[in-house]
Structure formats: C-alpha cells, structure tokens
Amino acid sequence: ALLLDAPCSATGIFRRHPDVLHRVRDTAIAELAEVQAQLLMRAADWVRPGGRLVYVTCSLEPEEGEEQIGRFLSQRLDYAIERVSPGEVPPGIAVAPQGWLRLLPGMLVDAGGCDGFFVARMRRAA
C-alpha cells in the first residue's frame, strides 16, 4: 500500500492550534487542492495493480477530502474506494456511506478528543 499524507490547510487541528483558522485563506485551499490532485495522480501511478492507495489530510475542507477523491475516482477508473468497515474503527467513529472516514474535532471526547481529518482507502484494479 502507498500512503499519501498530502500537504493541506491543516484546518482539522484547530482544537490544538486555533490560529490555523486565521492563517488559511480560500485561495490557499484552492492551491493546496491542486497540489493534492497532482500528488494523488502521481502516487496512483506508483501503486501496482491490485494494490492500495490511502489518501489522508488533516483538513476539514471538502475540497481537500471528499471532493478531491470524487474528482480522482472520476478520472482514474482503475481505482475504486475500498470501504472501511465499522469493525476497523474505534467506537464513536462512523464510516461515511461512501466508505471513507471523516473525523471531526468533536468526536471521541471521552478519549480526549481527536483532530479532524479525512481518510480514503482505494484499491487499484488488478
């Protein structure tokens, strides 16, 4: 498997670093989304047929998560979401209907909380 921990706006870490919300601009998110798209396409070429590609950001922005993966899957028909099963995640985390994970800072409060992030696991066709 190849893990792409893409550079992002880091809006998901605001509970620990509230200043991030004052530093991130809409134009920066758009620029980062373009870099992420390029990295995702490059990484996809490195995965062997039948292999996995895991895309992760610590962003709350759909442009850097759900929308990014939606565009990727519409362009790379040799990839499909490999759904995360509920048994693979701790109690209190819900798998999105699409099969990926979107964690928010308000989750896992009893365990001390968590940062916000997005995870999509994909498999390349054999």
Protein backbone atom coordinates (compact mmCIF):
# COMPACT_ATOMS: atom_id res chain seq x y z
CA ALA A 1 0.00 0.00 0.00
CA LEU A 2 1.03 3.57 -0.58
CA LEU A 3 0.06 6.22 1.99
CA LEU A 4 -0.29 9.78 0.70
CA ASP A 5 -0.40 12.15 3.68
CA ALA A 6 -0.99 15.16 1.45
CA PRO A 7 0.01 18.71 2.36
CA CYS A 8 -3.16 20.52 3.37
CA SER A 9 -4.66 23.55 5.08
CA ALA A 10 -4.49 21.75 8.47
CA THR A 11 -7.90 23.11 9.46
CA GLY A 12 -8.55 19.83 11.30
CA ILE A 13 -6.01 20.68 14.02
CA PHE A 14 -7.74 23.87 15.13
CA ARG A 15 -8.71 22.49 18.54
CA ARG A 16 -5.00 22.36 19.41
CA HIS A 17 -3.88 25.24 17.17
CA PRO A 18 -6.77 27.74 16.82
CA ASP A 19 -4.53 30.18 14.95
CA VAL A 20 -4.69 27.95 11.87
CA LEU A 21 -8.20 29.25 11.14
CA HIS A 22 -6.86 32.80 10.93
CA ARG A 23 -3.97 31.88 8.63
CA VAL A 24 -5.79 29.84 6.00
CA ARG A 25 -7.26 31.70 3.04
CA ASP A 26 -9.68 30.36 0.42
CA THR A 27 -7.03 30.87 -2.26
CA ALA A 28 -4.58 28.76 -0.25
CA ILE A 29 -7.12 25.94 -0.03
CA ALA A 30 -7.62 26.03 -3.81
CA GLU A 31 -3.84 25.99 -4.38
CA LEU A 32 -3.37 23.12 -1.94
CA ALA A 33 -6.19 21.17 -3.59
CA GLU A 34 -4.37 21.48 -6.92
CA VAL A 35 -1.11 20.22 -5.38
CA GLN A 36 -3.01 17.35 -3.75
CA ALA A 37 -4.58 16.41 -7.09
CA GLN A 38 -1.18 16.30 -8.75
CA LEU A 39 0.31 14.22 -5.94
CA LEU A 40 -2.66 11.86 -5.98
CA MET A 41 -2.31 11.25 -9.72
CA ARG A 42 1.43 10.67 -9.38
CA ALA A 43 1.01 8.34 -6.41
CA ALA A 44 -1.69 6.39 -8.27
CA ASP A 45 0.81 5.51 -10.97
CA TRP A 46 3.19 4.02 -8.38
CA VAL A 47 0.65 1.55 -6.97
CA ARG A 48 0.85 -1.90 -8.51
CA PRO A 49 -2.31 -3.43 -9.98
CA GLY A 50 -4.36 -4.85 -7.11
CA GLY A 51 -2.56 -2.58 -4.63
CA ARG A 52 -3.93 0.02 -2.25
CA LEU A 53 -3.65 3.79 -2.15
CA VAL A 54 -4.58 5.54 1.10
CA TYR A 55 -5.18 9.31 0.93
CA VAL A 56 -5.14 11.34 4.16
CA THR A 57 -5.42 15.02 5.09
CA CYS A 58 -5.84 16.79 8.43
CA SER A 59 -8.25 19.20 6.78
CA LEU A 60 -11.95 19.79 7.37
CA GLU A 61 -12.37 21.25 3.88
CA PRO A 62 -14.34 19.11 1.38
CA GLU A 63 -12.12 20.43 -1.42
CA GLU A 64 -9.22 18.62 0.23
CA GLY A 65 -11.13 15.45 1.08
CA GLU A 66 -14.44 14.25 -0.34
CA GLU A 67 -14.34 16.44 -3.46
CA GLN A 68 -10.70 15.59 -4.10
CA ILE A 69 -11.40 11.86 -4.05
CA GLY A 70 -14.57 12.29 -6.12
CA ARG A 71 -12.57 14.01 -8.87
CA PHE A 72 -9.78 11.45 -8.64
CA LEU A 73 -12.16 8.50 -8.99
CA SER A 74 -13.89 10.13 -11.97
CA GLN A 75 -10.52 10.43 -13.73
CA ARG A 76 -8.88 7.18 -12.62
CA LEU A 77 -11.35 4.46 -13.48
CA ASP A 78 -8.76 1.86 -12.47
CA TYR A 79 -9.36 2.84 -8.82
CA ALA A 80 -12.31 2.27 -6.51
CA ILE A 81 -13.00 3.01 -2.86
CA GLU A 82 -12.15 0.12 -0.59
CA ARG A 83 -14.76 0.65 2.09
CA VAL A 84 -13.63 0.92 5.69
CA SER A 85 -15.71 -1.45 7.77
CA PRO A 86 -17.15 -0.36 11.14
CA GLY A 87 -15.06 -3.05 12.83
CA GLU A 88 -11.86 -1.32 11.69
CA VAL A 89 -12.52 1.88 13.61
CA PRO A 90 -12.96 2.65 17.31
CA PRO A 91 -16.43 3.01 18.82
CA GLY A 92 -17.76 6.52 18.23
CA ILE A 93 -16.38 6.76 14.70
CA ALA A 94 -18.86 6.32 11.88
CA VAL A 95 -17.82 5.27 8.40
CA ALA A 96 -19.30 7.58 5.76
CA PRO A 97 -21.83 6.00 3.36
CA GLN A 98 -19.18 6.27 0.63
CA GLY A 99 -16.82 4.07 2.66
CA TRP A 100 -14.29 6.68 3.72
CA LEU A 101 -13.69 8.35 7.08
CA ARG A 102 -14.36 11.96 8.04
CA LEU A 103 -13.37 12.66 11.64
CA LEU A 104 -14.31 15.91 13.34
CA PRO A 105 -12.69 17.53 16.38
CA GLY A 106 -15.84 16.92 18.48
CA MET A 107 -15.53 13.14 18.15
CA LEU A 108 -14.02 10.79 20.72
CA VAL A 109 -14.48 13.31 23.53
CA ASP A 110 -14.39 10.57 26.18
CA ALA A 111 -10.98 9.50 24.86
CA GLY A 112 -9.58 13.03 24.97
CA GLY A 113 -10.84 14.17 21.59
CA CYS A 114 -9.22 13.99 18.20
CA ASP A 115 -8.17 16.22 15.36
CA GLY A 116 -10.28 16.45 12.26
CA PHE A 117 -9.12 14.52 9.23
CA PHE A 118 -10.18 12.67 6.11
CA VAL A 119 -9.12 9.17 5.03
CA ALA A 120 -9.96 7.35 1.80
CA ARG A 121 -8.67 3.86 1.07
CA MET A 122 -8.70 2.85 -2.57
CA ARG A 123 -7.71 -0.25 -4.49
CA ARG A 124 -6.30 -0.31 -7.98
CA ALA A 125 -7.87 -2.81 -10.36
CA ALA A 126 -5.80 -5.95 -10.87
